[in-house]
């Protein structure tokens, strides 16, 4: 089973070579924390992190 990667551009976790949300192929080497967004329109955290699509995201990327 493959390990999930975190995208440097949008902070989303994904499997494969290209991020399905922003179409970037830049992988974050170091990240901290995970957050699951269920409804991006109603979530205050999603608004602060500029997240528009539900999914699993890294909280901090270096």
PDB file of N, CA and C in Angstrom:
ATOM      1  N   UNK A   1       0.837  -1.180   0.000  1.00  0.00           N
ATOM      2  CA  UNK A   1       0.000   0.000   0.000  1.00  0.00           C
ATOM      3  C   UNK A   1       0.882   1.244   0.000  1.00  0.00           C
ATOM      4  N   UNK A   2       0.535   2.225  -0.809  1.00  0.00           N
ATOM      5  CA  UNK A   2       1.295   3.466  -0.930  1.00  0.00           C
ATOM      6  C   UNK A   2       1.034   4.384   0.250  1.00  0.00           C
ATOM      7  N   UNK A   3       2.006   5.221   0.517  1.00  0.00           N
ATOM      8  CA  UNK A   3       1.901   6.205   1.576  1.00  0.00           C
ATOM      9  C   UNK A   3       1.295   7.485   0.995  1.00  0.00           C
ATOM     10  N   UNK A   4       0.419   8.135   1.762  1.00  0.00           N
ATOM     11  CA  UNK A   4      -0.165   9.394   1.299  1.00  0.00           C
ATOM     12  C   UNK A   4       0.895  10.474   1.299  1.00  0.00           C
ATOM     13  N   UNK A   5       0.795  11.374   0.326  1.00  0.00           N
ATOM     14  CA  UNK A   5       1.716  12.500   0.195  1.00  0.00           C
ATOM     15  C   UNK A   5       0.944  13.781   0.466  1.00  0.00           C
ATOM     16  N   UNK A   6       1.643  14.802   0.914  1.00  0.00           N
ATOM     17  CA  UNK A   6       1.031  16.113   1.136  1.00  0.00           C
ATOM     18  C   UNK A   6       1.499  17.060   0.034  1.00  0.00           C
ATOM     19  N   UNK A   7       0.569  17.797  -0.540  1.00  0.00           N
ATOM     20  CA  UNK A   7       0.864  18.749  -1.619  1.00  0.00           C
ATOM     21  C   UNK A   7       1.378  20.060  -1.016  1.00  0.00           C
ATOM     22  N   UNK A   8       2.470  20.594  -1.562  1.00  0.00           N
ATOM     23  CA  UNK A   8       3.018  21.872  -1.089  1.00  0.00           C
ATOM     24  C   UNK A   8       2.101  23.044  -1.426  1.00  0.00           C
ATOM     25  N   UNK A   9       1.378  22.951  -2.523  1.00  0.00           N
ATOM     26  CA  UNK A   9       0.543  24.070  -2.965  1.00  0.00           C
ATOM     27  C   UNK A   9      -0.742  24.222  -2.160  1.00  0.00           C
ATOM     28  N   UNK A  10      -1.504  23.119  -2.024  1.00  0.00           N
ATOM     29  CA  UNK A  10      -2.813  23.227  -1.381  1.00  0.00           C
ATOM     30  C   UNK A  10      -2.917  22.475  -0.058  1.00  0.00           C
ATOM     31  N   UNK A  11      -1.853  21.775   0.361  1.00  0.00           N
ATOM     32  CA  UNK A  11      -1.770  21.037   1.614  1.00  0.00           C
ATOM     33  C   UNK A  11      -2.635  19.783   1.659  1.00  0.00           C
ATOM     34  N   UNK A  12      -3.206  19.360   0.552  1.00  0.00           N
ATOM     35  CA  UNK A  12      -4.059  18.171   0.524  1.00  0.00           C
ATOM     36  C   UNK A  12      -3.228  16.897   0.520  1.00  0.00           C
ATOM     37  N   UNK A  13      -3.735  15.858   1.173  1.00  0.00           N
ATOM     38  CA  UNK A  13      -3.112  14.546   1.117  1.00  0.00           C
ATOM     39  C   UNK A  13      -3.670  13.806  -0.087  1.00  0.00           C
ATOM     40  N   UNK A  14      -2.813  13.050  -0.773  1.00  0.00           N
ATOM     41  CA  UNK A  14      -3.256  12.301  -1.948  1.00  0.00           C
ATOM     42  C   UNK A  14      -2.362  11.106  -2.190  1.00  0.00           C
ATOM     43  N   UNK A  15      -2.851  10.168  -2.983  1.00  0.00           N
ATOM     44  CA  UNK A  15      -2.084   9.020  -3.446  1.00  0.00           C
ATOM     45  C   UNK A  15      -1.788   9.238  -4.923  1.00  0.00           C
ATOM     46  N   UNK A  16      -0.691   8.738  -5.400  1.00  0.00           N
ATOM     47  CA  UNK A  16      -0.361   8.903  -6.815  1.00  0.00           C
ATOM     48  C   UNK A  16       0.711   9.944  -7.028  1.00  0.00           C
ATOM     49  N   UNK A  17       0.843  10.387  -8.262  1.00  0.00           N
ATOM     50  CA  UNK A  17       1.907  11.314  -8.637  1.00  0.00           C
ATOM     51  C   UNK A  17       1.480  12.779  -8.682  1.00  0.00           C
ATOM     52  N   UNK A  18       0.202  13.051  -8.970  1.00  0.00           N
ATOM     53  CA  UNK A  18      -0.281  14.426  -9.126  1.00  0.00           C
ATOM     54  C   UNK A  18      -1.445  14.676  -8.173  1.00  0.00           C
ATOM     55  N   UNK A  19      -1.438  15.838  -7.546  1.00  0.00           N
ATOM     56  CA  UNK A  19      -2.516  16.221  -6.621  1.00  0.00           C
ATOM     57  C   UNK A  19      -3.824  16.379  -7.405  1.00  0.00           C
ATOM     58  N   UNK A  20      -4.892  15.697  -6.998  1.00  0.00           N
ATOM     59  CA  UNK A  20      -6.160  15.800  -7.723  1.00  0.00           C
ATOM     60  C   UNK A  20      -6.873  17.144  -7.543  1.00  0.00           C
ATOM     61  N   UNK A  21      -6.497  17.904  -6.530  1.00  0.00           N
ATOM     62  CA  UNK A  21      -7.172  19.178  -6.267  1.00  0.00           C
ATOM     63  C   UNK A  21      -6.562  20.319  -7.068  1.00  0.00           C
ATOM     64  N   UNK A  22      -5.229  20.487  -6.993  1.00  0.00           N
ATOM     65  CA  UNK A  22      -4.595  21.631  -7.661  1.00  0.00           C
ATOM     66  C   UNK A  22      -3.718  21.220  -8.848  1.00  0.00           C
ATOM     67  N   UNK A  23      -3.619  19.927  -9.111  1.00  0.00           N
ATOM     68  CA  UNK A  23      -2.848  19.381 -10.258  1.00  0.00           C
ATOM     69  C   UNK A  23      -1.350  19.647 -10.148  1.00  0.00           C
ATOM     70  N   UNK A  24      -0.842  19.853  -8.948  1.00  0.00           N
ATOM     71  CA  UNK A  24       0.583  20.076  -8.727  1.00  0.00           C
ATOM     72  C   UNK A  24       1.268  18.744  -8.449  1.00  0.00           C
ATOM     73  N   UNK A  25       2.565  18.683  -8.713  1.00  0.00           N
ATOM     74  CA  UNK A  25       3.315  17.464  -8.405  1.00  0.00           C
ATOM     75  C   UNK A  25       4.405  17.743  -7.366  1.00  0.00           C
ATOM     76  N   UNK A  26       4.283  18.839  -6.632  1.00  0.00           N
ATOM     77  CA  UNK A  26       5.254  19.184  -5.596  1.00  0.00           C
ATOM     78  C   UNK A  26       4.853  18.518  -4.293  1.00  0.00           C
ATOM     79  N   UNK A  27       5.749  17.682  -3.760  1.00  0.00           N
ATOM     80  CA  UNK A  27       5.472  16.931  -2.545  1.00  0.00           C
ATOM     81  C   UNK A  27       6.157  17.608  -1.361  1.00  0.00           C
ATOM     82  N   UNK A  28       5.420  17.772  -0.272  1.00  0.00           N
ATOM     83  CA  UNK A  28       5.984  18.350   0.945  1.00  0.00           C
ATOM     84  C   UNK A  28       6.796  17.286   1.663  1.00  0.00           C
ATOM     85  N   UNK A  29       8.029  17.631   2.014  1.00  0.00           N
ATOM     86  CA  UNK A  29       8.886  16.701   2.728  1.00  0.00           C
ATOM     87  C   UNK A  29       8.524  16.582   4.190  1.00  0.00           C
ATOM     88  N   UNK A  30       8.157  17.687   4.801  1.00  0.00           N
ATOM     89  CA  UNK A  30       7.837  17.709   6.228  1.00  0.00           C
ATOM     90  C   UNK A  30       6.491  18.398   6.413  1.00  0.00           C
ATOM     91  N   UNK A  31       5.608  17.767   7.166  1.00  0.00           N
ATOM     92  CA  UNK A  31       4.308  18.354   7.470  1.00  0.00           C
ATOM     93  C   UNK A  31       3.947  18.013   8.905  1.00  0.00           C
ATOM     94  N   UNK A  32       3.028  18.792   9.478  1.00  0.00           N
ATOM     95  CA  UNK A  32       2.581  18.560  10.852  1.00  0.00           C
ATOM     96  C   UNK A  32       1.069  18.631  10.917  1.00  0.00           C
ATOM     97  N   UNK A  33       0.476  17.655  11.556  1.00  0.00           N
ATOM     98  CA  UNK A  33      -0.960  17.637  11.811  1.00  0.00           C
ATOM     99  C   UNK A  33      -1.803  17.338  10.593  1.00  0.00           C
ATOM    100  N   UNK A  34      -2.951  16.748  10.848  1.00  0.00           N
ATOM    101  CA  UNK A  34      -3.924  16.450   9.788  1.00  0.00           C
ATOM    102  C   UNK A  34      -5.274  16.991  10.203  1.00  0.00           C
ATOM    103  N   UNK A  35      -6.044  17.398   9.219  1.00  0.00           N
ATOM    104  CA  UNK A  35      -7.400  17.876   9.470  1.00  0.00           C
ATOM    105  C   UNK A  35      -8.293  17.340   8.359  1.00  0.00           C
ATOM    106  N   UNK A  36      -9.481  16.894   8.728  1.00  0.00           N
ATOM    107  CA  UNK A  36     -10.465  16.433   7.753  1.00  0.00           C
ATOM    108  C   UNK A  36     -11.541  17.487   7.622  1.00  0.00           C
ATOM    109  N   UNK A  37     -11.733  17.980   6.424  1.00  0.00           N
ATOM    110  CA  UNK A  37     -12.773  18.963   6.145  1.00  0.00           C
ATOM    111  C   UNK A  37     -13.946  18.227   5.516  1.00  0.00           C
ATOM    112  N   UNK A  38     -15.113  18.296   6.161  1.00  0.00           N
ATOM    113  CA  UNK A  38     -16.298  17.614   5.651  1.00  0.00           C
ATOM    114  C   UNK A  38     -17.172  18.538   4.808  1.00  0.00           C
ATOM    115  N   UNK A  39     -17.291  19.788   5.223  1.00  0.00           N
ATOM    116  CA  UNK A  39     -18.080  20.769   4.478  1.00  0.00           C
ATOM    117  C   UNK A  39     -17.304  22.084   4.476  1.00  0.00           C
ATOM    118  N   UNK A  40     -16.603  22.340   3.393  1.00  0.00           N
ATOM    119  CA  UNK A  40     -15.723  23.509   3.311  1.00  0.00           C
ATOM    120  C   UNK A  40     -16.494  24.827   3.378  1.00  0.00           C
ATOM    121  N   UNK A  41     -17.739  24.834   2.948  1.00  0.00           N
ATOM    122  CA  UNK A  41     -18.527  26.071   2.953  1.00  0.00           C
ATOM    123  C   UNK A  41     -18.927  26.510   4.360  1.00  0.00           C
ATOM    124  N   UNK A  42     -19.123  25.551   5.277  1.00  0.00           N
ATOM    125  CA  UNK A  42     -19.565  25.874   6.630  1.00  0.00           C
ATOM    126  C   UNK A  42     -18.438  25.893   7.648  1.00  0.00           C
ATOM    127  N   UNK A  43     -17.263  25.465   7.267  1.00  0.00           N
ATOM    128  CA  UNK A  43     -16.147  25.345   8.202  1.00  0.00           C
ATOM    129  C   UNK A  43     -15.355  26.644   8.311  1.00  0.00           C
ATOM    130  N   UNK A  44     -15.214  27.143   9.533  1.00  0.00           N
ATOM    131  CA  UNK A  44     -14.406  28.340   9.763  1.00  0.00           C
ATOM    132  C   UNK A  44     -12.926  28.040   9.553  1.00  0.00           C
ATOM    133  N   UNK A  45     -12.504  26.844   9.925  1.00  0.00           N
ATOM    134  CA  UNK A  45     -11.108  26.448   9.728  1.00  0.00           C
ATOM    135  C   UNK A  45     -10.778  26.383   8.245  1.00  0.00           C
ATOM    136  N   UNK A  46     -11.682  25.831   7.448  1.00  0.00           N
ATOM    137  CA  UNK A  46     -11.469  25.759   5.994  1.00  0.00           C
ATOM    138  C   UNK A  46     -11.349  27.159   5.398  1.00  0.00           C
ATOM    139  N   UNK A  47     -12.143  28.082   5.876  1.00  0.00           N
ATOM    140  CA  UNK A  47     -12.066  29.453   5.379  1.00  0.00           C
ATOM    141  C   UNK A  47     -10.737  30.096   5.736  1.00  0.00           C
ATOM    142  N   UNK A  48     -10.238  29.857   6.955  1.00  0.00           N
ATOM    143  CA  UNK A  48      -8.963  30.431   7.373  1.00  0.00           C
ATOM    144  C   UNK A  48      -7.794  29.815   6.615  1.00  0.00           C
ATOM    145  N   UNK A  49      -7.923  28.541   6.231  1.00  0.00           N
ATOM    146  CA  UNK A  49      -6.856  27.856   5.500  1.00  0.00           C
ATOM    147  C   UNK A  49      -7.035  27.963   3.985  1.00  0.00           C
ATOM    148  N   UNK A  50      -8.068  28.676   3.531  1.00  0.00           N
ATOM    149  CA  UNK A  50      -8.383  28.849   2.107  1.00  0.00           C
ATOM    150  C   UNK A  50      -8.635  27.510   1.414  1.00  0.00           C
ATOM    151  N   UNK A  51      -9.427  26.647   2.052  1.00  0.00           N
ATOM    152  CA  UNK A  51      -9.782  25.345   1.505  1.00  0.00           C
ATOM    153  C   UNK A  51     -11.198  25.418   0.970  1.00  0.00           C
ATOM    154  N   UNK A  52     -11.390  24.971  -0.267  1.00  0.00           N
ATOM    155  CA  UNK A  52     -12.697  25.034  -0.908  1.00  0.00           C
ATOM    156  C   UNK A  52     -13.303  23.668  -1.190  1.00  0.00           C
ATOM    157  N   UNK A  53     -12.512  22.600  -1.063  1.00  0.00           N
ATOM    158  CA  UNK A  53     -12.973  21.251  -1.389  1.00  0.00           C
ATOM    159  C   UNK A  53     -12.775  20.356  -0.173  1.00  0.00           C
ATOM    160  N   UNK A  54     -13.768  19.491   0.122  1.00  0.00           N
ATOM    161  CA  UNK A  54     -13.633  18.609   1.279  1.00  0.00           C
ATOM    162  C   UNK A  54     -12.507  17.608   1.056  1.00  0.00           C
ATOM    163  N   UNK A  55     -11.909  17.164   2.160  1.00  0.00           N
ATOM    164  CA  UNK A  55     -10.831  16.207   2.083  1.00  0.00           C
ATOM    165  C   UNK A  55      -9.926  16.266   3.292  1.00  0.00           C
ATOM    166  N   UNK A  56      -8.792  15.588   3.211  1.00  0.00           N
ATOM    167  CA  UNK A  56      -7.824  15.529   4.294  1.00  0.00           C
ATOM    168  C   UNK A  56      -6.652  16.450   3.947  1.00  0.00           C
ATOM    169  N   UNK A  57      -6.267  17.319   4.886  1.00  0.00           N
ATOM    170  CA  UNK A  57      -5.244  18.326   4.644  1.00  0.00           C
ATOM    171  C   UNK A  57      -4.214  18.340   5.763  1.00  0.00           C
ATOM    172  N   UNK A  58      -3.008  18.761   5.440  1.00  0.00           N
ATOM    173  CA  UNK A  58      -1.970  18.981   6.444  1.00  0.00           C
ATOM    174  C   UNK A  58      -2.187  20.362   7.046  1.00  0.00           C
ATOM    175  N   UNK A  59      -1.933  20.488   8.329  1.00  0.00           N
ATOM    176  CA  UNK A  59      -2.111  21.777   8.983  1.00  0.00           C
ATOM    177  C   UNK A  59      -0.924  22.692   8.714  1.00  0.00           C
ATOM    178  N   UNK A  60       0.283  22.139   8.795  1.00  0.00           N
ATOM    179  CA  UNK A  60       1.489  22.953   8.590  1.00  0.00           C
ATOM    180  C   UNK A  60       2.451  22.206   7.669  1.00  0.00           C
ATOM    181  N   UNK A  61       2.970  22.894   6.677  1.00  0.00           N
ATOM    182  CA  UNK A  61       3.927  22.318   5.727  1.00  0.00           C
ATOM    183  C   UNK A  61       5.194  23.158   5.734  1.00  0.00           C
ATOM    184  N   UNK A  62       6.343  22.476   5.705  1.00  0.00           N
ATOM    185  CA  UNK A  62       7.630  23.185   5.641  1.00  0.00           C
ATOM    186  C   UNK A  62       8.297  22.899   4.333  1.00  0.00           C
TER     187      UNK A  62
END
